[in-house]
Amino acid sequence: MWSNGSFRDVLITATRADSALLRYCKLRTVVFDGCNLQGTDFQFAELTGVRFEQCDLTGAQWAHAKLSNVVFDACTLLDMGGATSLAGATVRGPGALELALGLARESGIVIEP
C-alpha cells in the first residue's frame, strides 16, 4: 500500500503486487516487468514514462488516472475499470483486444456473438 507515494527511476521485476493500492501515486520512469498487478488501484495516479511489460493487470482500476508516454507491452488487460482514463497510452500485443472490449463495455456497447 503506497497511497499518495512517489516512485522515480525504478525497475520492478517479477513481483507479486496484486491488489496493491497506488492511488494518487506519482510514477516517473518506472518499468514493471513480469509483475502480477491484478486488481491494483491506480485511480487518480499520475504515470509518466512508465512501461508495463508482460504484466497481468486483470481487474486493475484506472479511473481519473493521468498517463503520459505509458506503454503496455504483452500485458493481460482484462476487466479493467476506468479504462477510458488510459487515453494516450500505447498497447502492444493481445492486451489491445482485451482493452478494446473493456472500453466498449464502459461505453455501454453490447457485443453479441
Protein backbone atom coordinates (compact mmCIF):
# COMPACT_ATOMS: atom_id res chain seq x y z
CA MET A 1 0.00 0.00 0.00
CA TRP A 2 1.65 3.21 -1.22
CA SER A 3 -1.24 5.62 -1.48
CA ASN A 4 -0.06 9.13 -2.37
CA GLY A 5 3.57 7.98 -2.73
CA SER A 6 6.16 8.65 -5.40
CA PHE A 7 8.36 6.32 -7.49
CA ARG A 8 11.08 7.55 -9.84
CA ASP A 9 13.64 5.65 -11.97
CA VAL A 10 12.60 2.23 -10.64
CA LEU A 11 12.66 -1.26 -12.18
CA ILE A 12 10.19 -3.70 -10.60
CA THR A 13 10.70 -7.26 -11.84
CA ALA A 14 8.69 -10.47 -11.29
CA THR A 15 6.89 -9.03 -8.29
CA ARG A 16 3.53 -10.04 -6.93
CA ALA A 17 1.69 -6.86 -6.04
CA ASP A 18 -1.89 -7.90 -6.72
CA SER A 19 -4.48 -5.60 -5.14
CA ALA A 20 -1.80 -3.01 -4.37
CA LEU A 21 -3.01 0.50 -3.61
CA LEU A 22 -1.18 3.04 -5.78
CA ARG A 23 -3.99 5.58 -5.70
CA TYR A 24 -2.76 9.18 -6.04
CA CYS A 25 0.84 7.98 -6.55
CA LYS A 26 3.25 9.65 -8.94
CA LEU A 27 5.24 7.21 -11.05
CA ARG A 28 8.02 8.59 -13.26
CA THR A 29 10.28 6.44 -15.46
CA VAL A 30 9.16 3.17 -13.87
CA VAL A 31 9.26 -0.27 -15.52
CA PHE A 32 7.07 -3.14 -14.30
CA ASP A 33 8.42 -6.35 -15.88
CA GLY A 34 6.62 -9.68 -15.44
CA CYS A 35 4.59 -8.49 -12.45
CA ASN A 36 1.25 -9.70 -11.10
CA LEU A 37 -0.71 -6.46 -10.67
CA GLN A 38 -4.20 -7.98 -10.66
CA GLY A 39 -6.72 -5.65 -9.03
CA THR A 40 -4.16 -2.90 -8.41
CA ASP A 41 -5.70 0.52 -7.78
CA PHE A 42 -4.12 3.24 -9.96
CA GLN A 43 -7.05 5.65 -9.52
CA PHE A 44 -6.01 9.34 -9.60
CA ALA A 45 -2.36 8.28 -10.12
CA GLU A 46 -0.02 10.17 -12.44
CA LEU A 47 2.15 7.97 -14.66
CA THR A 48 4.85 9.44 -16.90
CA GLY A 49 7.30 7.35 -18.92
CA VAL A 50 6.02 4.10 -17.38
CA ARG A 51 6.28 0.69 -19.09
CA PHE A 52 4.35 -2.46 -18.24
CA GLU A 53 5.99 -5.50 -19.86
CA GLN A 54 4.35 -8.94 -19.65
CA CYS A 55 2.31 -7.92 -16.60
CA ASP A 56 -1.10 -9.20 -15.52
CA LEU A 57 -3.31 -6.16 -14.88
CA THR A 58 -6.62 -8.06 -14.76
CA GLY A 59 -9.16 -6.03 -12.81
CA ALA A 60 -6.83 -3.05 -12.27
CA GLN A 61 -8.63 0.25 -11.61
CA TRP A 62 -7.66 3.37 -13.57
CA ALA A 63 -10.43 5.95 -13.00
CA HIS A 64 -9.13 9.53 -13.17
CA ALA A 65 -5.53 8.41 -13.74
CA LYS A 66 -3.32 10.67 -15.86
CA LEU A 67 -0.98 8.93 -18.30
CA SER A 68 1.81 10.33 -20.43
CA ASN A 69 4.15 8.16 -22.50
CA VAL A 70 2.87 4.91 -20.94
CA VAL A 71 3.32 1.57 -22.75
CA PHE A 72 1.60 -1.77 -22.13
CA ASP A 73 3.61 -4.47 -23.91
CA ALA A 74 2.32 -8.08 -23.98
CA CYS A 75 0.17 -7.49 -20.88
CA THR A 76 -3.12 -9.04 -19.78
CA LEU A 77 -5.67 -6.20 -19.65
CA LEU A 78 -8.95 -7.99 -18.84
CA ASP A 79 -11.83 -6.41 -16.89
CA MET A 80 -10.02 -3.17 -16.07
CA GLY A 81 -12.11 -0.36 -14.58
CA GLY A 82 -11.77 3.24 -15.70
CA ALA A 83 -10.20 2.19 -18.99
CA THR A 84 -11.18 5.50 -20.59
CA SER A 85 -8.55 7.13 -18.35
CA LEU A 86 -5.86 5.28 -20.34
CA ALA A 87 -6.09 7.86 -23.13
CA GLY A 88 -2.68 8.41 -24.65
CA ALA A 89 -1.26 5.01 -23.69
CA THR A 90 0.29 2.63 -26.23
CA VAL A 91 -0.81 -1.02 -26.13
CA ARG A 92 1.07 -3.81 -27.91
CA GLY A 93 0.10 -7.46 -28.15
CA PRO A 94 -3.07 -9.36 -27.29
CA GLY A 95 -3.94 -6.95 -24.48
CA ALA A 96 -5.11 -4.49 -27.13
CA LEU A 97 -8.22 -6.58 -27.88
CA GLU A 98 -8.87 -7.13 -24.16
CA LEU A 99 -8.69 -3.38 -23.60
CA ALA A 100 -10.97 -2.70 -26.57
CA LEU A 101 -13.63 -4.97 -25.07
CA GLY A 102 -13.35 -3.15 -21.73
CA LEU A 103 -13.70 0.23 -23.42
CA ALA A 104 -16.77 -0.99 -25.28
CA ARG A 105 -18.32 -2.22 -22.03
CA GLU A 106 -17.63 1.10 -20.26
CA SER A 107 -19.16 2.96 -23.20
CA GLY A 108 -22.35 0.92 -22.95
CA ILE A 109 -21.75 -1.01 -26.16
CA VAL A 110 -23.12 -4.56 -26.12
CA ILE A 111 -21.19 -7.05 -28.20
CA GLU A 112 -23.12 -10.16 -29.14
CA PRO A 113 -21.85 -13.32 -30.85
